[in-house]
N, C-alpha and C. Protein backbone atom coordinates (compact mmCIF):
# COMPACT_ATOMS: atom_id res chain seq x y z
N MET A 1 101.13 171.16 53.16
CA MET A 1 101.28 171.57 54.60
C MET A 1 102.65 171.17 54.97
N HIS A 2 103.20 171.95 55.84
CA HIS A 2 104.69 171.71 56.34
C HIS A 2 104.67 170.66 57.48
N ARG A 3 105.42 169.64 57.34
CA ARG A 3 105.53 168.62 58.39
C ARG A 3 106.27 169.08 59.48
N PRO A 4 105.86 168.83 60.77
CA PRO A 4 106.76 169.24 61.94
C PRO A 4 107.97 168.50 61.95
N LYS A 5 109.07 169.41 62.34
CA LYS A 5 110.39 168.77 62.22
C LYS A 5 110.67 168.09 63.70
N LEU A 6 111.34 166.97 63.86
CA LEU A 6 111.67 166.51 65.11
C LEU A 6 113.07 167.04 65.53
N ASP A 7 112.97 167.82 66.54
CA ASP A 7 114.30 168.32 67.12
C ASP A 7 114.92 167.38 68.00
N LYS A 8 116.13 167.64 68.59
CA LYS A 8 116.88 166.75 69.45
C LYS A 8 116.09 166.13 70.48
N SER A 9 115.35 166.98 71.21
CA SER A 9 114.60 166.44 72.46
C SER A 9 113.51 165.37 71.92
N HIS A 10 113.01 165.60 70.75
CA HIS A 10 111.98 164.49 70.31
C HIS A 10 112.68 163.20 69.98
N LEU A 11 113.81 163.38 69.37
CA LEU A 11 114.61 162.25 69.04
C LEU A 11 114.94 161.48 70.28
N ILE A 12 115.39 162.14 71.44
CA ILE A 12 115.74 161.48 72.58
C ILE A 12 114.50 160.75 73.24
N LEU A 13 113.40 161.40 73.21
CA LEU A 13 112.15 160.77 73.78
C LEU A 13 111.79 159.53 72.93
N LEU A 14 111.97 159.63 71.57
CA LEU A 14 111.64 158.35 70.66
C LEU A 14 112.53 157.26 71.03
N THR A 15 113.80 157.57 71.40
CA THR A 15 114.79 156.62 71.68
C THR A 15 114.54 155.98 73.06
N ALA A 16 114.09 156.85 73.97
CA ALA A 16 113.77 156.37 75.25
C ALA A 16 112.46 155.42 75.21
N LEU A 17 111.57 155.86 74.37
CA LEU A 17 110.38 155.06 74.27
C LEU A 17 110.67 153.75 73.83
N SER A 18 111.62 153.53 72.88
CA SER A 18 111.88 152.22 72.28
C SER A 18 112.50 151.31 73.42
N LEU A 19 113.25 152.03 74.31
CA LEU A 19 113.82 151.31 75.41
C LEU A 19 112.77 150.88 76.41
N GLY A 20 111.81 151.91 76.72
CA GLY A 20 110.68 151.57 77.71
C GLY A 20 109.83 150.50 77.19
N LEU A 21 109.41 150.54 75.87
CA LEU A 21 108.57 149.41 75.35
C LEU A 21 109.15 148.04 75.42
N ALA A 22 110.56 147.96 75.60
CA ALA A 22 111.22 146.61 75.73
C ALA A 22 110.90 145.98 77.06
N GLY A 23 110.46 146.79 78.02
CA GLY A 23 110.13 146.22 79.33
C GLY A 23 108.76 145.81 79.40
N PRO A 24 108.25 145.31 80.51
CA PRO A 24 106.89 144.71 80.60
C PRO A 24 105.93 145.82 80.60
N VAL A 25 104.70 145.48 80.13
CA VAL A 25 103.71 146.56 80.04
C VAL A 25 102.60 146.12 80.98
N ALA A 26 102.71 145.08 81.65
CA ALA A 26 101.65 144.54 82.69
C ALA A 26 102.40 143.97 83.75
N GLY A 27 101.63 143.82 84.94
CA GLY A 27 102.25 143.10 86.09
C GLY A 27 102.47 141.71 85.86
N ALA A 28 103.41 141.04 86.63
CA ALA A 28 103.71 139.55 86.53
C ALA A 28 103.58 138.94 87.87
N THR A 29 103.31 137.67 87.90
CA THR A 29 103.19 136.87 89.06
C THR A 29 104.22 135.60 88.95
N TYR A 30 105.02 135.47 89.81
CA TYR A 30 105.99 134.38 89.71
C TYR A 30 105.64 133.47 90.91
N GLN A 31 105.36 132.04 90.57
CA GLN A 31 105.11 131.09 91.51
C GLN A 31 106.22 130.19 91.72
N LEU A 32 107.02 130.21 92.76
CA LEU A 32 108.35 129.49 92.88
C LEU A 32 108.20 128.43 93.90
N THR A 33 108.50 127.24 93.43
CA THR A 33 108.70 126.10 94.33
C THR A 33 110.10 126.06 95.11
N PRO A 34 110.13 125.71 96.23
CA PRO A 34 111.43 125.69 96.86
C PRO A 34 112.57 125.04 96.20
N ALA A 35 113.79 125.60 96.26
CA ALA A 35 114.96 124.90 95.83
C ALA A 35 115.36 123.93 96.77
N ALA A 36 115.01 124.20 98.06
CA ALA A 36 115.35 123.15 99.12
C ALA A 36 114.35 123.40 100.24
N ASP A 37 113.84 122.28 100.86
CA ASP A 37 112.91 122.28 102.07
C ASP A 37 113.28 121.11 102.97
N ALA A 38 113.26 121.32 104.26
CA ALA A 38 113.55 120.21 105.23
C ALA A 38 113.05 120.64 106.56
N TYR A 39 112.90 119.72 107.49
CA TYR A 39 112.61 120.04 108.78
C TYR A 39 113.82 119.42 109.68
N VAL A 40 113.95 119.84 110.85
CA VAL A 40 115.01 119.45 111.78
C VAL A 40 114.32 119.16 113.20
N VAL A 41 114.96 118.17 113.83
CA VAL A 41 114.32 117.62 115.15
C VAL A 41 115.36 117.70 116.14
N SER A 42 115.09 118.29 117.37
CA SER A 42 116.11 118.52 118.43
C SER A 42 116.43 117.18 119.09
N ASP A 43 115.57 116.16 119.18
CA ASP A 43 115.88 114.89 119.77
C ASP A 43 116.85 114.03 118.79
N TYR A 44 116.91 114.38 117.60
CA TYR A 44 117.73 113.53 116.55
C TYR A 44 118.50 114.69 115.92
N ALA A 45 119.46 115.16 116.77
CA ALA A 45 120.14 116.31 116.18
C ALA A 45 121.17 116.18 115.08
N THR A 46 121.36 114.93 114.66
CA THR A 46 122.34 114.70 113.56
C THR A 46 121.59 114.01 112.39
N VAL A 47 120.33 113.86 112.55
CA VAL A 47 119.60 113.24 111.39
C VAL A 47 118.92 114.22 110.39
N ASN A 48 119.03 113.86 109.18
CA ASN A 48 118.61 114.76 108.01
C ASN A 48 117.24 114.29 107.62
N TYR A 49 116.29 115.24 107.40
CA TYR A 49 114.95 114.84 107.10
C TYR A 49 114.58 115.60 105.75
N GLY A 50 115.50 115.83 104.83
CA GLY A 50 115.30 116.51 103.66
C GLY A 50 114.54 115.78 102.56
N ASP A 51 114.38 114.51 102.54
CA ASP A 51 113.60 113.78 101.57
C ASP A 51 112.32 113.45 102.01
N GLU A 52 111.82 113.89 103.06
CA GLU A 52 110.41 113.54 103.59
C GLU A 52 109.26 114.18 102.74
N LYS A 53 108.15 113.69 102.75
CA LYS A 53 106.99 114.27 102.08
C LYS A 53 106.30 115.35 102.99
N ASP A 54 106.70 115.49 104.22
CA ASP A 54 106.10 116.36 105.09
C ASP A 54 107.10 117.51 105.66
N LEU A 55 106.57 118.46 106.06
CA LEU A 55 107.30 119.60 106.83
C LEU A 55 106.57 119.79 108.22
N HIS A 56 107.35 119.82 109.31
CA HIS A 56 106.71 119.91 110.56
C HIS A 56 107.29 121.03 111.34
N VAL A 57 106.23 121.54 112.17
CA VAL A 57 106.60 122.44 113.29
C VAL A 57 106.01 121.81 114.51
N HIS A 58 106.77 121.74 115.68
CA HIS A 58 106.32 120.95 116.76
C HIS A 58 106.96 121.44 118.07
N ALA A 59 106.25 121.43 119.12
CA ALA A 59 106.88 121.65 120.42
C ALA A 59 106.12 120.61 121.53
N GLY A 60 106.93 120.26 122.50
CA GLY A 60 106.48 119.25 123.36
C GLY A 60 107.72 118.53 123.90
N SER A 61 107.55 117.15 123.70
CA SER A 61 108.65 116.20 124.02
C SER A 61 109.90 116.44 123.25
N THR A 62 109.70 117.10 122.03
CA THR A 62 110.88 117.36 121.14
C THR A 62 110.41 118.67 120.41
N THR A 63 111.31 119.25 119.60
CA THR A 63 111.10 120.48 118.95
C THR A 63 111.38 120.20 117.47
N LYS A 64 110.54 120.65 116.80
CA LYS A 64 110.70 120.58 115.24
C LYS A 64 110.55 121.80 114.44
N ARG A 65 111.42 122.23 113.48
CA ARG A 65 111.24 123.47 112.76
C ARG A 65 111.58 123.22 111.37
N THR A 66 111.00 124.00 110.42
CA THR A 66 111.09 123.70 109.00
C THR A 66 111.96 124.92 108.29
N TYR A 67 112.78 124.55 107.56
CA TYR A 67 113.63 125.38 106.64
C TYR A 67 113.13 125.36 105.20
N LEU A 68 113.09 126.46 104.59
CA LEU A 68 112.86 126.65 103.10
C LEU A 68 113.81 127.51 102.47
N ARG A 69 114.23 127.25 101.20
CA ARG A 69 115.08 128.27 100.44
C ARG A 69 114.38 128.28 99.09
N PHE A 70 114.42 129.57 98.58
CA PHE A 70 113.85 129.85 97.15
C PHE A 70 114.93 130.54 96.45
N ASP A 71 115.03 130.36 95.09
CA ASP A 71 115.79 130.99 94.15
C ASP A 71 114.82 132.19 93.61
N LEU A 72 115.26 133.36 93.83
CA LEU A 72 114.38 134.51 93.51
C LEU A 72 114.56 134.78 92.06
N PRO A 73 113.40 135.20 91.44
CA PRO A 73 113.55 135.57 89.86
C PRO A 73 114.36 136.89 89.74
N MET A 74 114.97 137.08 88.58
CA MET A 74 115.57 138.41 88.22
C MET A 74 114.48 139.15 87.58
N LEU A 75 114.08 140.24 88.15
CA LEU A 75 113.04 141.07 87.65
C LEU A 75 113.44 141.80 86.36
N ALA A 76 112.65 141.87 85.48
CA ALA A 76 112.85 142.53 84.08
C ALA A 76 113.01 144.02 84.43
N PRO A 77 113.66 144.81 83.45
CA PRO A 77 113.74 146.27 83.58
C PRO A 77 112.25 146.90 83.63
N GLY A 78 112.00 147.76 84.51
CA GLY A 78 110.67 148.38 84.65
C GLY A 78 109.72 147.57 85.54
N GLU A 79 110.16 146.51 86.16
CA GLU A 79 109.22 145.81 87.11
C GLU A 79 109.50 146.30 88.48
N LEU A 80 108.41 146.45 89.20
CA LEU A 80 108.43 146.96 90.66
C LEU A 80 107.72 145.77 91.55
N LEU A 81 108.42 145.46 92.49
CA LEU A 81 108.02 144.37 93.44
C LEU A 81 106.87 144.98 94.29
N THR A 82 105.72 144.24 94.34
CA THR A 82 104.50 144.85 95.14
C THR A 82 104.15 143.79 96.17
N GLY A 83 104.46 142.54 96.09
CA GLY A 83 104.18 141.62 97.12
C GLY A 83 104.80 140.44 97.07
N ILE A 84 104.95 139.68 98.31
CA ILE A 84 105.59 138.33 98.46
C ILE A 84 104.83 137.60 99.52
N SER A 85 104.47 136.35 99.09
CA SER A 85 103.75 135.51 100.27
C SER A 85 104.19 134.14 100.08
N LEU A 86 104.24 133.41 101.14
CA LEU A 86 104.57 131.94 101.20
C LEU A 86 103.21 131.25 101.46
N GLN A 87 103.03 130.26 100.64
CA GLN A 87 101.85 129.44 100.65
C GLN A 87 102.16 128.00 101.01
N LEU A 88 101.63 127.37 101.98
CA LEU A 88 101.80 125.93 102.25
C LEU A 88 100.45 125.26 102.41
N SER A 89 100.45 123.95 101.94
CA SER A 89 99.26 123.18 101.98
C SER A 89 99.41 122.47 103.37
N TYR A 90 98.17 122.70 104.18
CA TYR A 90 98.09 122.05 105.42
C TYR A 90 97.76 120.63 105.42
N ALA A 91 98.59 119.82 106.12
CA ALA A 91 98.37 118.36 106.15
C ALA A 91 97.58 117.82 107.19
N GLN A 92 98.09 118.09 108.51
CA GLN A 92 97.38 117.56 109.67
C GLN A 92 98.03 118.21 110.90
N GLY A 93 97.38 117.91 112.08
CA GLY A 93 97.85 118.26 113.25
C GLY A 93 97.52 119.67 113.71
N GLY A 94 97.73 120.00 115.00
CA GLY A 94 97.51 121.35 115.43
C GLY A 94 96.05 121.51 115.92
N ILE A 95 95.81 122.36 116.82
CA ILE A 95 94.49 122.61 117.31
C ILE A 95 94.16 123.92 116.79
N ASP A 96 92.76 124.28 116.62
CA ASP A 96 92.23 125.44 116.17
C ASP A 96 93.04 126.69 116.85
N GLY A 97 93.54 127.60 115.98
CA GLY A 97 94.15 128.75 116.58
C GLY A 97 95.70 128.50 117.02
N THR A 98 96.40 127.56 116.58
CA THR A 98 97.73 127.34 116.64
C THR A 98 98.41 128.41 115.91
N TYR A 99 99.33 129.16 116.59
CA TYR A 99 100.09 130.17 115.76
C TYR A 99 101.43 129.76 115.39
N ILE A 100 101.71 130.09 114.14
CA ILE A 100 103.03 129.77 113.53
C ILE A 100 103.72 131.00 113.15
N ASP A 101 105.04 131.08 113.34
CA ASP A 101 105.85 132.25 112.93
C ASP A 101 106.74 131.93 111.75
N LEU A 102 106.81 132.91 110.96
CA LEU A 102 107.76 132.81 109.79
C LEU A 102 108.88 133.79 110.19
N HIS A 103 110.12 133.34 109.96
CA HIS A 103 111.34 134.13 110.24
C HIS A 103 112.19 134.11 109.05
N HIS A 104 113.07 135.13 108.80
CA HIS A 104 114.07 135.23 107.88
C HIS A 104 115.27 134.47 108.31
N VAL A 105 115.92 133.68 107.52
CA VAL A 105 117.24 133.07 107.76
C VAL A 105 118.34 133.70 106.96
N SER A 106 119.24 134.44 107.61
CA SER A 106 120.21 135.21 106.82
C SER A 106 121.40 134.36 106.01
N SER A 107 121.55 133.29 106.48
CA SER A 107 122.40 132.43 105.88
C SER A 107 121.71 131.41 104.78
N ASP A 108 122.07 131.35 103.68
CA ASP A 108 121.54 130.42 102.53
C ASP A 108 122.55 129.23 102.46
N ASN A 109 123.49 129.18 103.30
CA ASN A 109 124.53 128.08 103.13
C ASN A 109 124.17 126.87 103.91
N TRP A 110 123.05 126.32 103.37
CA TRP A 110 122.66 124.93 103.93
C TRP A 110 122.08 124.07 102.82
N LEU A 111 122.21 122.81 103.04
CA LEU A 111 121.76 121.88 101.98
C LEU A 111 120.50 121.13 102.48
N GLU A 112 119.59 120.88 101.61
CA GLU A 112 118.45 120.10 101.89
C GLU A 112 118.87 118.63 102.35
N SER A 113 119.83 118.14 101.74
CA SER A 113 120.23 116.74 102.07
C SER A 113 121.16 116.75 103.31
N ALA A 114 121.61 117.70 103.75
CA ALA A 114 122.53 117.74 104.93
C ALA A 114 122.20 118.58 106.22
N ILE A 115 121.14 119.39 106.07
CA ILE A 115 120.76 120.13 107.27
C ILE A 115 120.29 119.24 108.35
N THR A 116 120.67 119.54 109.59
CA THR A 116 120.08 118.87 110.84
C THR A 116 119.99 119.86 111.90
N TRP A 117 119.50 119.37 113.07
CA TRP A 117 119.23 120.25 114.24
C TRP A 117 120.72 120.80 114.58
N SER A 118 121.71 120.02 114.58
CA SER A 118 123.05 120.44 115.06
C SER A 118 123.79 121.51 114.11
N ASN A 119 123.47 121.46 112.86
CA ASN A 119 124.17 122.36 111.87
C ASN A 119 123.11 123.48 111.39
N ARG A 120 122.07 123.52 111.90
CA ARG A 120 120.98 124.43 111.38
C ARG A 120 121.46 125.86 111.51
N PRO A 121 121.12 126.68 110.45
CA PRO A 121 121.54 128.11 110.52
C PRO A 121 120.65 128.92 111.45
N ASP A 122 121.09 130.05 112.01
CA ASP A 122 120.23 130.77 112.79
C ASP A 122 119.23 131.63 112.14
N TYR A 123 118.26 132.16 112.80
CA TYR A 123 117.22 132.93 112.11
C TYR A 123 117.12 134.25 112.91
N ASP A 124 116.64 135.19 112.14
CA ASP A 124 116.30 136.54 112.72
C ASP A 124 115.25 136.44 113.82
N ALA A 125 115.51 137.17 114.92
CA ALA A 125 114.63 137.14 116.13
C ALA A 125 113.20 137.52 115.86
N ALA A 126 113.04 138.63 115.09
CA ALA A 126 111.76 139.12 114.82
C ALA A 126 111.05 138.37 113.62
N ALA A 127 109.93 138.00 113.95
CA ALA A 127 109.05 137.25 112.96
C ALA A 127 108.67 138.19 111.88
N LEU A 128 108.65 137.66 110.56
CA LEU A 128 108.16 138.39 109.45
C LEU A 128 106.67 138.33 109.37
N ASP A 129 106.02 137.30 109.91
CA ASP A 129 104.59 137.19 109.96
C ASP A 129 104.28 136.04 110.86
N THR A 130 103.01 136.15 111.38
CA THR A 130 102.46 135.21 112.28
C THR A 130 101.08 134.85 111.75
N GLN A 131 100.72 133.52 111.56
CA GLN A 131 99.47 133.03 111.05
C GLN A 131 98.93 131.94 112.07
N ALA A 132 97.66 131.99 112.12
CA ALA A 132 96.93 130.88 112.93
C ALA A 132 96.47 129.85 111.93
N ILE A 133 96.47 128.51 112.38
CA ILE A 133 95.95 127.51 111.45
C ILE A 133 94.65 126.93 112.18
N TYR A 134 93.76 126.46 111.29
CA TYR A 134 92.53 125.93 111.80
C TYR A 134 92.30 124.58 111.14
N GLY A 135 91.52 123.61 111.76
CA GLY A 135 91.33 122.23 111.27
C GLY A 135 90.84 122.11 109.86
N GLY A 136 89.96 122.97 109.41
CA GLY A 136 89.43 122.74 108.07
C GLY A 136 90.21 123.66 107.05
N GLN A 137 91.30 124.10 107.31
CA GLN A 137 92.12 125.01 106.48
C GLN A 137 92.94 124.19 105.51
N ALA A 138 92.75 124.57 104.27
CA ALA A 138 93.57 123.84 103.26
C ALA A 138 94.90 124.58 103.02
N VAL A 139 95.12 125.72 103.17
CA VAL A 139 96.35 126.51 102.76
C VAL A 139 96.45 127.58 103.90
N ILE A 140 97.76 127.72 104.16
CA ILE A 140 98.08 128.83 105.11
C ILE A 140 98.99 129.77 104.36
N ALA A 141 98.81 131.13 104.44
CA ALA A 141 99.57 132.06 103.71
C ALA A 141 100.38 132.99 104.69
N PHE A 142 101.55 133.17 104.33
CA PHE A 142 102.35 134.22 105.19
C PHE A 142 102.77 135.33 104.28
N ASN A 143 102.50 136.50 104.76
CA ASN A 143 102.92 137.77 103.85
C ASN A 143 104.27 138.22 104.33
N LEU A 144 105.23 138.41 103.51
CA LEU A 144 106.65 138.87 103.76
C LEU A 144 106.74 140.37 103.40
N PRO A 145 107.26 141.21 104.30
CA PRO A 145 107.50 142.51 104.05
C PRO A 145 108.54 142.72 102.91
N LEU A 146 108.36 143.68 102.07
CA LEU A 146 109.22 143.79 100.97
C LEU A 146 110.64 144.15 101.39
N SER A 147 110.77 144.61 102.59
CA SER A 147 112.12 145.09 103.22
C SER A 147 112.99 143.94 103.46
N VAL A 148 112.46 142.59 103.41
CA VAL A 148 113.23 141.45 103.62
C VAL A 148 114.31 141.30 102.56
N LEU A 149 113.95 141.79 101.39
CA LEU A 149 114.81 141.73 100.17
C LEU A 149 115.84 142.77 100.15
N ALA A 150 115.60 143.70 100.93
CA ALA A 150 116.56 144.89 100.96
C ALA A 150 117.90 144.53 101.59
N THR A 151 117.84 143.53 102.49
CA THR A 151 119.02 143.13 103.23
C THR A 151 119.38 141.68 102.74
N ASP A 152 118.74 141.15 101.74
CA ASP A 152 119.02 139.77 101.25
C ASP A 152 118.92 139.89 99.75
N GLN A 153 120.07 140.23 99.16
CA GLN A 153 120.17 140.60 97.78
C GLN A 153 121.04 139.57 96.91
N ASP A 154 121.21 138.28 97.45
CA ASP A 154 122.18 137.39 96.81
C ASP A 154 121.38 136.52 95.81
N GLY A 155 120.14 136.65 95.68
CA GLY A 155 119.35 135.93 94.82
C GLY A 155 118.63 134.69 95.48
N ASP A 156 118.93 134.41 96.69
CA ASP A 156 118.41 133.34 97.45
C ASP A 156 117.67 133.83 98.63
N LEU A 157 116.55 133.27 98.92
CA LEU A 157 115.83 133.74 100.19
C LEU A 157 115.53 132.40 101.12
N SER A 158 116.18 132.37 102.28
CA SER A 158 115.91 131.19 103.11
C SER A 158 114.87 131.67 104.30
N LEU A 159 114.06 130.79 104.68
CA LEU A 159 112.90 131.10 105.62
C LEU A 159 112.75 129.98 106.69
N LEU A 160 112.33 130.18 107.83
CA LEU A 160 112.16 129.22 108.85
C LEU A 160 110.76 129.36 109.43
N LEU A 161 110.04 128.20 109.57
CA LEU A 161 108.84 128.11 110.35
C LEU A 161 108.96 127.50 111.65
N LYS A 162 108.33 128.02 112.57
CA LYS A 162 108.27 127.43 113.99
C LYS A 162 106.97 127.77 114.67
N LEU A 163 106.61 127.10 115.79
CA LEU A 163 105.54 127.42 116.45
C LEU A 163 105.90 128.81 117.21
N ALA A 164 104.89 129.69 117.19
CA ALA A 164 105.11 130.99 117.87
C ALA A 164 105.42 130.85 119.38
N ASP A 165 104.80 129.75 120.08
CA ASP A 165 105.12 129.54 121.44
C ASP A 165 105.62 128.08 121.54
N GLU A 166 106.93 127.90 121.59
CA GLU A 166 107.41 126.59 121.75
C GLU A 166 107.50 126.12 123.24
N GLY A 167 106.91 126.83 124.19
CA GLY A 167 106.75 126.44 125.48
C GLY A 167 105.44 125.49 125.76
N ILE A 168 104.60 125.40 124.84
CA ILE A 168 103.47 124.58 124.86
C ILE A 168 103.64 123.43 123.99
N SER A 169 102.77 122.41 124.17
CA SER A 169 102.69 121.21 123.45
C SER A 169 101.75 121.38 122.15
N ASP A 170 102.32 121.33 121.01
CA ASP A 170 101.51 121.46 119.79
C ASP A 170 102.30 121.08 118.64
N THR A 171 101.52 121.01 117.53
CA THR A 171 102.10 120.51 116.33
C THR A 171 101.33 120.78 115.04
N ALA A 172 102.01 120.94 113.94
CA ALA A 172 101.36 121.24 112.68
C ALA A 172 102.22 120.55 111.56
N THR A 173 101.58 120.15 110.44
CA THR A 173 102.30 119.42 109.37
C THR A 173 101.86 120.05 108.05
N PHE A 174 102.84 120.24 107.24
CA PHE A 174 102.56 120.76 105.87
C PHE A 174 103.27 119.80 104.76
N TYR A 175 102.77 119.85 103.55
CA TYR A 175 103.34 119.06 102.55
C TYR A 175 104.62 119.80 102.06
N SER A 176 105.70 118.92 101.76
CA SER A 176 106.96 119.42 101.26
C SER A 176 106.94 119.30 99.72
N LYS A 177 107.86 119.91 99.07
CA LYS A 177 108.06 119.71 97.57
C LYS A 177 108.21 118.31 97.11
N GLU A 178 108.61 117.30 98.08
CA GLU A 178 108.73 115.95 97.71
C GLU A 178 107.52 115.17 97.73
N ALA A 179 106.42 115.71 98.19
CA ALA A 179 105.11 115.04 98.38
C ALA A 179 104.71 114.43 96.98
N ILE A 180 104.92 115.26 95.94
CA ILE A 180 104.39 114.82 94.60
C ILE A 180 105.12 113.48 94.13
N ASN A 181 106.18 113.09 94.79
CA ASN A 181 106.84 111.93 94.38
C ASN A 181 106.48 110.61 95.19
N PHE A 182 105.62 110.90 96.13
CA PHE A 182 105.05 109.78 96.84
C PHE A 182 103.79 109.19 96.27
N PRO A 183 103.37 107.90 96.57
CA PRO A 183 102.14 107.33 96.06
C PRO A 183 100.93 108.22 96.34
N GLY A 184 100.08 108.41 95.43
CA GLY A 184 98.88 109.04 95.65
C GLY A 184 98.94 110.55 95.67
N ASN A 185 100.17 111.10 95.56
CA ASN A 185 100.61 112.48 95.45
C ASN A 185 99.64 113.30 96.48
N PRO A 186 100.11 113.07 97.77
CA PRO A 186 99.35 113.48 98.91
C PRO A 186 98.98 114.99 99.03
N GLY A 187 99.86 115.82 98.42
CA GLY A 187 99.60 117.21 98.56
C GLY A 187 100.47 118.01 97.74
N PRO A 188 100.09 119.39 97.31
CA PRO A 188 100.93 120.16 96.48
C PRO A 188 102.10 120.71 97.33
N ALA A 189 103.04 121.13 96.62
CA ALA A 189 104.33 121.66 97.23
C ALA A 189 104.07 123.09 97.75
N PRO A 190 104.88 123.47 98.67
CA PRO A 190 104.80 124.85 99.19
C PRO A 190 105.36 125.87 98.02
N TYR A 191 104.95 127.10 98.05
CA TYR A 191 105.44 127.85 96.82
C TYR A 191 105.52 129.43 97.48
N LEU A 192 106.48 130.18 96.79
CA LEU A 192 106.57 131.54 97.14
C LEU A 192 105.88 132.43 95.95
N LEU A 193 104.91 133.23 96.18
CA LEU A 193 104.28 133.97 95.17
C LEU A 193 104.77 135.33 95.20
N VAL A 194 105.41 135.74 94.09
CA VAL A 194 105.96 137.15 93.88
C VAL A 194 105.18 137.93 92.93
N ASN A 195 104.76 139.06 93.37
CA ASN A 195 103.82 139.90 92.45
C ASN A 195 104.65 141.18 92.07
N THR A 196 104.63 141.56 90.82
CA THR A 196 105.19 142.82 90.38
C THR A 196 104.18 143.69 89.52
N ILE A 197 104.40 144.96 89.40
CA ILE A 197 103.80 145.71 88.34
C ILE A 197 104.81 146.61 87.63
N PRO A 198 104.51 147.29 86.52
CA PRO A 198 105.40 148.17 85.88
C PRO A 198 105.73 149.48 86.76
N GLU A 199 106.96 149.83 86.71
CA GLU A 199 107.31 151.04 87.42
C GLU A 199 106.43 152.29 86.95
N PRO A 200 106.07 153.17 87.75
CA PRO A 200 105.42 154.39 87.18
C PRO A 200 106.20 155.09 86.24
N GLU A 201 107.57 155.16 86.39
CA GLU A 201 108.48 155.79 85.29
C GLU A 201 108.22 155.14 84.01
N ALA A 202 108.22 153.82 84.00
CA ALA A 202 108.06 153.13 82.74
C ALA A 202 106.66 153.48 82.12
N TRP A 203 105.54 153.47 82.92
CA TRP A 203 104.31 153.80 82.27
C TRP A 203 104.33 155.21 81.84
N GLY A 204 104.85 156.24 82.55
CA GLY A 204 104.90 157.60 82.07
C GLY A 204 105.70 157.71 80.82
N LEU A 205 106.84 157.12 80.72
CA LEU A 205 107.77 157.13 79.52
C LEU A 205 106.93 156.58 78.33
N MET A 206 106.25 155.41 78.54
CA MET A 206 105.54 154.80 77.44
C MET A 206 104.34 155.81 77.02
N LEU A 207 103.60 156.31 77.88
CA LEU A 207 102.55 157.16 77.55
C LEU A 207 102.95 158.43 76.89
N ALA A 208 104.05 159.08 77.42
CA ALA A 208 104.53 160.26 76.70
C ALA A 208 105.10 159.94 75.30
N GLY A 209 105.62 158.73 75.04
CA GLY A 209 106.16 158.29 73.80
C GLY A 209 105.00 158.08 72.91
N LEU A 210 103.95 157.47 73.41
CA LEU A 210 102.72 157.23 72.49
C LEU A 210 102.15 158.62 72.00
N GLY A 211 102.19 159.50 72.84
CA GLY A 211 101.79 160.94 72.55
C GLY A 211 102.68 161.48 71.51
N LEU A 212 103.87 161.27 71.48
CA LEU A 212 104.77 161.87 70.41
C LEU A 212 104.55 161.07 69.16
N VAL A 213 104.32 159.86 69.15
CA VAL A 213 103.91 158.96 67.97
C VAL A 213 102.79 159.55 67.26
N GLY A 214 101.74 159.92 68.10
CA GLY A 214 100.52 160.51 67.59
C GLY A 214 100.79 161.90 66.99
N TRP A 215 101.58 162.61 67.60
CA TRP A 215 101.94 163.89 66.94
C TRP A 215 102.69 163.83 65.74
N VAL A 216 103.64 162.84 65.60
CA VAL A 216 104.23 162.53 64.31
C VAL A 216 103.17 162.18 63.24
N ALA A 217 102.30 161.29 63.64
CA ALA A 217 101.38 160.79 62.67
C ALA A 217 100.42 161.90 62.17
N ARG A 218 100.04 162.77 63.02
CA ARG A 218 99.21 163.84 62.69
C ARG A 218 99.94 164.74 61.70
N GLY A 219 101.15 164.91 61.96
CA GLY A 219 101.97 165.92 61.10
C GLY A 219 102.06 165.18 59.64
N ARG A 220 102.13 163.94 59.59
CA ARG A 220 102.21 163.24 58.38
C ARG A 220 100.85 163.33 57.56
N ARG A 221 99.83 163.22 58.29
CA ARG A 221 98.42 163.40 57.67
C ARG A 221 98.25 164.78 57.08
N GLN A 222 98.77 165.77 57.86
CA GLN A 222 98.69 167.20 57.45
C GLN A 222 99.50 167.43 56.17
N GLU A 223 100.65 166.75 56.16
CA GLU A 223 101.49 166.91 54.95
C GLU A 223 100.91 166.43 53.79
N ASN A 224 100.15 165.29 53.90
CA ASN A 224 99.52 164.70 52.77
C ASN A 224 98.18 165.22 52.38
N ALA A 225 97.70 166.13 53.23
CA ALA A 225 96.48 166.65 52.88
C ALA A 225 96.54 167.53 51.69
């Protein structure tokens, strides 16, 4: 039997297939601990709290806010970002239904060992997400819109946590990444969860290429028949 010949278009598809298969064939989940985390206090405007085991949000006699910065992963060719969430372990404080805002911080030019209330970077006015905490809650999770990365493409992502209403007296405490260094390991570090899936184009290319491989294999079987 005559074996089918591969024309130029088939060779191009096979080449594309080899490139497509080099990318991921399944989704990935990245769990990122902060590169930096610290809280700042209005009454102690020049004091740095970057080495504490806790992160605070507070309003009342003083105001406390928390800053976090993450180094974002370099996505592999063919990966499509599908979700980002910030997860923190709840330590103590707050009344049931205390609302906390998550904001984007446009400047990544701050250091964990140097940030204070007086030199803190500004944050975007609109909250990325708002979540309520409850006394029996172990973890609080904030969902970030994917659009936040469209305007923040330098590989770092800085975030701020604050009480949604700083006009009332309330407080909440979470564990920092330094908590594991304290006696008894009081709690896990915060982390950013980044989820991806293969791009539809990558899947389509792979499936089309697999079909061509089957076509060639059938041709060889016919030739040997």
